[in-house]
PDB file of N, CA and C in Angstrom:
ATOM      1  N   UNK A   1     103.054  88.146 150.470  1.00  0.00           N
ATOM      2  CA  UNK A   1     104.328  87.477 150.169  1.00  0.00           C
ATOM      3  C   UNK A   1     104.621  87.550 149.119  1.00  0.00           C
ATOM      4  N   UNK A   2     103.640  87.053 148.269  1.00  0.00           N
ATOM      5  CA  UNK A   2     104.149  86.512 146.494  1.00  0.00           C
ATOM      6  C   UNK A   2     104.191  88.151 145.813  1.00  0.00           C
ATOM      7  N   UNK A   3     103.382  88.848 146.651  1.00  0.00           N
ATOM      8  CA  UNK A   3     103.420  90.266 145.932  1.00  0.00           C
ATOM      9  C   UNK A   3     104.772  90.895 145.820  1.00  0.00           C
ATOM     10  N   UNK A   4     105.382  91.026 147.307  1.00  0.00           N
ATOM     11  CA  UNK A   4     106.334  91.519 147.391  1.00  0.00           C
ATOM     12  C   UNK A   4     107.365  91.255 146.477  1.00  0.00           C
ATOM     13  N   UNK A   5     107.179  89.956 146.303  1.00  0.00           N
ATOM     14  CA  UNK A   5     108.476  89.235 145.071  1.00  0.00           C
ATOM     15  C   UNK A   5     108.568  89.777 144.001  1.00  0.00           C
ATOM     16  N   UNK A   6     107.790  89.837 143.485  1.00  0.00           N
ATOM     17  CA  UNK A   6     106.607  90.262 142.364  1.00  0.00           C
ATOM     18  C   UNK A   6     107.202  91.991 141.813  1.00  0.00           C
ATOM     19  N   UNK A   7     106.906  92.537 143.300  1.00  0.00           N
ATOM     20  CA  UNK A   7     107.635  93.945 142.874  1.00  0.00           C
ATOM     21  C   UNK A   7     108.919  94.321 143.126  1.00  0.00           C
ATOM     22  N   UNK A   8     109.857  93.362 143.626  1.00  0.00           N
ATOM     23  CA  UNK A   8     111.133  93.514 143.755  1.00  0.00           C
ATOM     24  C   UNK A   8     112.018  93.193 142.493  1.00  0.00           C
ATOM     25  N   UNK A   9     111.310  92.166 142.349  1.00  0.00           N
ATOM     26  CA  UNK A   9     111.574  91.123 140.627  1.00  0.00           C
ATOM     27  C   UNK A   9     110.973  92.623 139.704  1.00  0.00           C
ATOM     28  N   UNK A  10     110.223  93.127 139.666  1.00  0.00           N
ATOM     29  CA  UNK A  10     110.414  94.178 138.657  1.00  0.00           C
ATOM     30  C   UNK A  10     111.192  95.753 138.861  1.00  0.00           C
ATOM     31  N   UNK A  11     111.519  95.726 140.416  1.00  0.00           N
ATOM     32  CA  UNK A  11     112.372  96.498 140.191  1.00  0.00           C
ATOM     33  C   UNK A  11     113.802  96.124 139.904  1.00  0.00           C
ATOM     34  N   UNK A  12     114.472  94.684 140.112  1.00  0.00           N
ATOM     35  CA  UNK A  12     115.834  94.377 139.747  1.00  0.00           C
ATOM     36  C   UNK A  12     115.608  94.409 138.004  1.00  0.00           C
ATOM     37  N   UNK A  13     114.742  93.505 138.113  1.00  0.00           N
ATOM     38  CA  UNK A  13     114.931  93.943 135.847  1.00  0.00           C
ATOM     39  C   UNK A  13     114.761  95.671 135.560  1.00  0.00           C
ATOM     40  N   UNK A  14     114.379  95.944 135.976  1.00  0.00           N
ATOM     41  CA  UNK A  14     114.445  97.290 135.583  1.00  0.00           C
ATOM     42  C   UNK A  14     115.606  98.211 135.920  1.00  0.00           C
ATOM     43  N   UNK A  15     116.731  97.773 136.839  1.00  0.00           N
ATOM     44  CA  UNK A  15     117.539  98.390 137.095  1.00  0.00           C
ATOM     45  C   UNK A  15     117.924  97.173 136.768  1.00  0.00           C
ATOM     46  N   UNK A  16     118.269  96.518 136.053  1.00  0.00           N
ATOM     47  CA  UNK A  16     119.282  95.260 135.558  1.00  0.00           C
ATOM     48  C   UNK A  16     119.315  95.788 133.664  1.00  0.00           C
ATOM     49  N   UNK A  17     117.759  96.423 133.077  1.00  0.00           N
ATOM     50  CA  UNK A  17     118.067  96.747 132.276  1.00  0.00           C
ATOM     51  C   UNK A  17     119.371  98.151 132.219  1.00  0.00           C
ATOM     52  N   UNK A  18     118.665  99.356 132.960  1.00  0.00           N
ATOM     53  CA  UNK A  18     119.059 100.358 132.993  1.00  0.00           C
ATOM     54  C   UNK A  18     121.068 100.055 133.229  1.00  0.00           C
ATOM     55  N   UNK A  19     121.266  99.512 133.583  1.00  0.00           N
ATOM     56  CA  UNK A  19     122.531  98.683 134.069  1.00  0.00           C
ATOM     57  C   UNK A  19     123.358  98.244 132.665  1.00  0.00           C
ATOM     58  N   UNK A  20     123.271  97.310 132.351  1.00  0.00           N
ATOM     59  CA  UNK A  20     123.356  96.756 130.966  1.00  0.00           C
ATOM     60  C   UNK A  20     123.478  97.424 129.842  1.00  0.00           C
ATOM     61  N   UNK A  21     122.201  98.417 129.395  1.00  0.00           N
ATOM     62  CA  UNK A  21     122.412  99.224 128.656  1.00  0.00           C
ATOM     63  C   UNK A  21     123.376 100.971 128.817  1.00  0.00           C
ATOM     64  N   UNK A  22     123.878 101.101 130.184  1.00  0.00           N
ATOM     65  CA  UNK A  22     124.807 101.661 130.495  1.00  0.00           C
ATOM     66  C   UNK A  22     126.467 101.626 130.218  1.00  0.00           C
ATOM     67  N   UNK A  23     126.759 100.407 129.967  1.00  0.00           N
ATOM     68  CA  UNK A  23     127.723  99.452 129.564  1.00  0.00           C
ATOM     69  C   UNK A  23     128.492 100.076 128.227  1.00  0.00           C
ATOM     70  N   UNK A  24     130.014  99.627 128.058  1.00  0.00           N
ATOM     71  CA  UNK A  24     129.931 100.794 126.977  1.00  0.00           C
ATOM     72  C   UNK A  24     129.885 100.060 125.628  1.00  0.00           C
ATOM     73  N   UNK A  25     130.119 100.323 124.919  1.00  0.00           N
ATOM     74  CA  UNK A  25     129.972  99.999 123.305  1.00  0.00           C
ATOM     75  C   UNK A  25     130.758  99.666 122.203  1.00  0.00           C
ATOM     76  N   UNK A  26     131.031  98.609 121.610  1.00  0.00           N
ATOM     77  CA  UNK A  26     132.478  99.352 120.779  1.00  0.00           C
ATOM     78  C   UNK A  26     133.288  97.817 120.928  1.00  0.00           C
ATOM     79  N   UNK A  27     133.269  96.906 122.299  1.00  0.00           N
ATOM     80  CA  UNK A  27     133.411  95.734 121.523  1.00  0.00           C
ATOM     81  C   UNK A  27     133.086  94.888 121.859  1.00  0.00           C
ATOM     82  N   UNK A  28     131.778  94.737 120.939  1.00  0.00           N
ATOM     83  CA  UNK A  28     130.991  93.520 119.860  1.00  0.00           C
ATOM     84  C   UNK A  28     131.384  93.026 118.761  1.00  0.00           C
ATOM     85  N   UNK A  29     130.482  93.487 118.616  1.00  0.00           N
ATOM     86  CA  UNK A  29     130.994  93.244 116.675  1.00  0.00           C
ATOM     87  C   UNK A  29     131.593  93.447 115.980  1.00  0.00           C
ATOM     88  N   UNK A  30     132.101  94.691 116.237  1.00  0.00           N
ATOM     89  CA  UNK A  30     133.451  95.110 115.853  1.00  0.00           C
ATOM     90  C   UNK A  30     134.572  94.590 115.836  1.00  0.00           C
ATOM     91  N   UNK A  31     134.567  93.530 116.842  1.00  0.00           N
ATOM     92  CA  UNK A  31     135.999  92.433 116.833  1.00  0.00           C
ATOM     93  C   UNK A  31     135.841  91.724 115.487  1.00  0.00           C
ATOM     94  N   UNK A  32     134.764  91.219 115.350  1.00  0.00           N
ATOM     95  CA  UNK A  32     134.724  89.989 114.193  1.00  0.00           C
ATOM     96  C   UNK A  32     135.211  90.788 113.041  1.00  0.00           C
ATOM     97  N   UNK A  33     134.276  91.618 112.792  1.00  0.00           N
ATOM     98  CA  UNK A  33     135.443  91.900 111.218  1.00  0.00           C
ATOM     99  C   UNK A  33     136.596  93.323 111.317  1.00  0.00           C
ATOM    100  N   UNK A  34     137.394  92.208 112.268  1.00  0.00           N
ATOM    101  CA  UNK A  34     138.742  93.414 111.601  1.00  0.00           C
ATOM    102  C   UNK A  34     138.977  94.187 113.099  1.00  0.00           C
ATOM    103  N   UNK A  35     137.856  94.424 114.035  1.00  0.00           N
ATOM    104  CA  UNK A  35     137.980  96.184 114.329  1.00  0.00           C
ATOM    105  C   UNK A  35     139.362  95.870 115.816  1.00  0.00           C
ATOM    106  N   UNK A  36     139.024  96.816 116.626  1.00  0.00           N
ATOM    107  CA  UNK A  36     140.395  96.651 118.057  1.00  0.00           C
ATOM    108  C   UNK A  36     140.187  95.663 118.648  1.00  0.00           C
ATOM    109  N   UNK A  37     139.565  94.532 118.250  1.00  0.00           N
ATOM    110  CA  UNK A  37     139.667  93.249 119.081  1.00  0.00           C
ATOM    111  C   UNK A  37     140.322  92.191 119.853  1.00  0.00           C
ATOM    112  N   UNK A  38     141.530  93.346 119.133  1.00  0.00           N
ATOM    113  CA  UNK A  38     142.757  91.642 119.655  1.00  0.00           C
ATOM    114  C   UNK A  38     143.894  92.789 121.364  1.00  0.00           C
ATOM    115  N   UNK A  39     143.046  94.024 121.663  1.00  0.00           N
ATOM    116  CA  UNK A  39     144.063  94.660 122.676  1.00  0.00           C
ATOM    117  C   UNK A  39     142.671  94.152 123.537  1.00  0.00           C
ATOM    118  N   UNK A  40     144.514  94.097 124.504  1.00  0.00           N
ATOM    119  CA  UNK A  40     143.636  93.632 125.838  1.00  0.00           C
ATOM    120  C   UNK A  40     143.253  94.148 126.898  1.00  0.00           C
ATOM    121  N   UNK A  41     142.189  95.144 127.270  1.00  0.00           N
ATOM    122  CA  UNK A  41     141.956  96.239 128.933  1.00  0.00           C
ATOM    123  C   UNK A  41     141.520  95.644 129.520  1.00  0.00           C
ATOM    124  N   UNK A  42     141.901  96.367 130.429  1.00  0.00           N
ATOM    125  CA  UNK A  42     141.164  95.992 131.847  1.00  0.00           C
ATOM    126  C   UNK A  42     140.087  97.388 132.651  1.00  0.00           C
ATOM    127  N   UNK A  43     139.259  96.656 132.834  1.00  0.00           N
ATOM    128  CA  UNK A  43     138.460  97.386 133.675  1.00  0.00           C
ATOM    129  C   UNK A  43     138.338  98.272 134.888  1.00  0.00           C
ATOM    130  N   UNK A  44     138.068  99.397 134.721  1.00  0.00           N
ATOM    131  CA  UNK A  44     138.597 100.285 135.998  1.00  0.00           C
ATOM    132  C   UNK A  44     137.651 101.093 136.563  1.00  0.00           C
ATOM    133  N   UNK A  45     137.489 101.815 137.801  1.00  0.00           N
ATOM    134  CA  UNK A  45     136.752 102.974 137.288  1.00  0.00           C
ATOM    135  C   UNK A  45     135.574 102.453 137.661  1.00  0.00           C
ATOM    136  N   UNK A  46     134.446 103.445 136.706  1.00  0.00           N
ATOM    137  CA  UNK A  46     133.535 103.173 136.860  1.00  0.00           C
ATOM    138  C   UNK A  46     132.646 102.006 135.547  1.00  0.00           C
ATOM    139  N   UNK A  47     133.550 101.727 134.808  1.00  0.00           N
ATOM    140  CA  UNK A  47     133.367 100.872 134.300  1.00  0.00           C
ATOM    141  C   UNK A  47     132.846  99.385 134.893  1.00  0.00           C
ATOM    142  N   UNK A  48     133.932  99.205 135.749  1.00  0.00           N
ATOM    143  CA  UNK A  48     134.281  97.857 136.527  1.00  0.00           C
ATOM    144  C   UNK A  48     132.963  97.837 137.928  1.00  0.00           C
ATOM    145  N   UNK A  49     132.783  98.983 138.355  1.00  0.00           N
ATOM    146  CA  UNK A  49     131.707  99.060 139.039  1.00  0.00           C
ATOM    147  C   UNK A  49     130.258  98.747 138.063  1.00  0.00           C
ATOM    148  N   UNK A  50     130.135  98.936 137.044  1.00  0.00           N
ATOM    149  CA  UNK A  50     128.945  98.859 136.041  1.00  0.00           C
ATOM    150  C   UNK A  50     129.129  97.567 136.076  1.00  0.00           C
ATOM    151  N   UNK A  51     129.926  96.355 135.816  1.00  0.00           N
ATOM    152  CA  UNK A  51     130.396  95.313 134.992  1.00  0.00           C
ATOM    153  C   UNK A  51     130.106  94.706 136.919  1.00  0.00           C
ATOM    154  N   UNK A  52     130.869  94.962 138.013  1.00  0.00           N
ATOM    155  CA  UNK A  52     130.241  94.207 138.846  1.00  0.00           C
ATOM    156  C   UNK A  52     128.216  94.126 139.713  1.00  0.00           C
ATOM    157  N   UNK A  53     128.571  95.361 138.967  1.00  0.00           N
ATOM    158  CA  UNK A  53     126.902  96.310 139.728  1.00  0.00           C
ATOM    159  C   UNK A  53     125.805  94.909 138.693  1.00  0.00           C
ATOM    160  N   UNK A  54     126.079  94.824 137.544  1.00  0.00           N
ATOM    161  CA  UNK A  54     125.492  94.261 136.005  1.00  0.00           C
ATOM    162  C   UNK A  54     125.259  92.348 136.957  1.00  0.00           C
ATOM    163  N   UNK A  55     126.797  91.902 137.246  1.00  0.00           N
ATOM    164  CA  UNK A  55     126.598  90.042 137.813  1.00  0.00           C
ATOM    165  C   UNK A  55     125.821  90.799 139.056  1.00  0.00           C
ATOM    166  N   UNK A  56     125.504  91.261 140.060  1.00  0.00           N
ATOM    167  CA  UNK A  56     124.832  91.267 141.242  1.00  0.00           C
ATOM    168  C   UNK A  56     123.161  91.180 140.840  1.00  0.00           C
ATOM    169  N   UNK A  57     123.000  92.569 140.158  1.00  0.00           N
ATOM    170  CA  UNK A  57     121.752  91.987 139.958  1.00  0.00           C
ATOM    171  C   UNK A  57     121.053  90.872 138.629  1.00  0.00           C
ATOM    172  N   UNK A  58     121.699  90.304 137.863  1.00  0.00           N
ATOM    173  CA  UNK A  58     121.094  89.719 137.229  1.00  0.00           C
ATOM    174  C   UNK A  58     121.062  87.948 138.376  1.00  0.00           C
ATOM    175  N   UNK A  59     121.713  87.941 139.074  1.00  0.00           N
ATOM    176  CA  UNK A  59     121.938  87.102 140.462  1.00  0.00           C
ATOM    177  C   UNK A  59     120.534  87.160 141.453  1.00  0.00           C
ATOM    178  N   UNK A  60     120.457  88.223 141.389  1.00  0.00           N
ATOM    179  CA  UNK A  60     119.197  88.806 142.365  1.00  0.00           C
ATOM    180  C   UNK A  60     117.862  88.423 141.442  1.00  0.00           C
ATOM    181  N   UNK A  61     118.077  89.257 139.986  1.00  0.00           N
ATOM    182  CA  UNK A  61     116.867  88.308 139.389  1.00  0.00           C
ATOM    183  C   UNK A  61     116.993  86.908 139.418  1.00  0.00           C
ATOM    184  N   UNK A  62     118.008  86.457 138.994  1.00  0.00           N
ATOM    185  CA  UNK A  62     118.004  85.040 139.280  1.00  0.00           C
ATOM    186  C   UNK A  62     117.014  84.171 140.499  1.00  0.00           C
ATOM    187  N   UNK A  63     117.438  85.080 141.507  1.00  0.00           N
ATOM    188  CA  UNK A  63     117.296  84.789 142.894  1.00  0.00           C
ATOM    189  C   UNK A  63     115.624  85.029 143.238  1.00  0.00           C
ATOM    190  N   UNK A  64     115.085  86.028 142.532  1.00  0.00           N
ATOM    191  CA  UNK A  64     113.957  86.080 142.909  1.00  0.00           C
ATOM    192  C   UNK A  64     112.451  85.473 142.098  1.00  0.00           C
ATOM    193  N   UNK A  65     113.492  85.455 140.734  1.00  0.00           N
ATOM    194  CA  UNK A  65     112.559  84.584 139.873  1.00  0.00           C
ATOM    195  C   UNK A  65     112.820  83.014 140.764  1.00  0.00           C
ATOM    196  N   UNK A  66     113.180  82.433 141.334  1.00  0.00           N
ATOM    197  CA  UNK A  66     113.285  80.879 141.674  1.00  0.00           C
ATOM    198  C   UNK A  66     112.244  81.238 142.640  1.00  0.00           C
ATOM    199  N   UNK A  67     112.446  82.148 143.587  1.00  0.00           N
ATOM    200  CA  UNK A  67     111.855  82.443 145.383  1.00  0.00           C
ATOM    201  C   UNK A  67     110.123  82.272 144.160  1.00  0.00           C
ATOM    202  N   UNK A  68     109.952  82.860 143.311  1.00  0.00           N
ATOM    203  CA  UNK A  68     108.497  83.567 143.188  1.00  0.00           C
ATOM    204  C   UNK A  68     107.978  81.839 142.394  1.00  0.00           C
ATOM    205  N   UNK A  69     108.760  80.606 141.921  1.00  0.00           N
ATOM    206  CA  UNK A  69     108.334  79.814 141.368  1.00  0.00           C
ATOM    207  C   UNK A  69     107.817  78.714 142.998  1.00  0.00           C
ATOM    208  N   UNK A  70     108.423  78.952 143.888  1.00  0.00           N
ATOM    209  CA  UNK A  70     108.517  77.861 145.278  1.00  0.00           C
ATOM    210  C   UNK A  70     107.513  78.409 146.013  1.00  0.00           C
ATOM    211  N   UNK A  71     107.711  80.193 145.980  1.00  0.00           N
ATOM    212  CA  UNK A  71     106.939  80.449 147.254  1.00  0.00           C
ATOM    213  C   UNK A  71     105.464  80.179 146.660  1.00  0.00           C
ATOM    214  N   UNK A  72     103.934  79.833 147.475  1.00  0.00           N
ATOM    215  CA  UNK A  72     103.024  79.493 147.228  1.00  0.00           C
ATOM    216  C   UNK A  72     102.131  80.560 147.609  1.00  0.00           C
TER     217      UNK A  72
END
């Protein structure tokens, strides 16, 4: 059982890294230096799907990490 949890956690972590790297850049540090940070934008289409997928994968990663702690 523990080996299956390790494999699932590795797969989820790789997917999480990929999804984070796919997210749009440009709304980060540039806004702090007078960039276009005051414009409110809504997420649409693929950007919204990737955002929600990031949240789901982060929760799954946390759940598998906690499961690895409590499974003997």
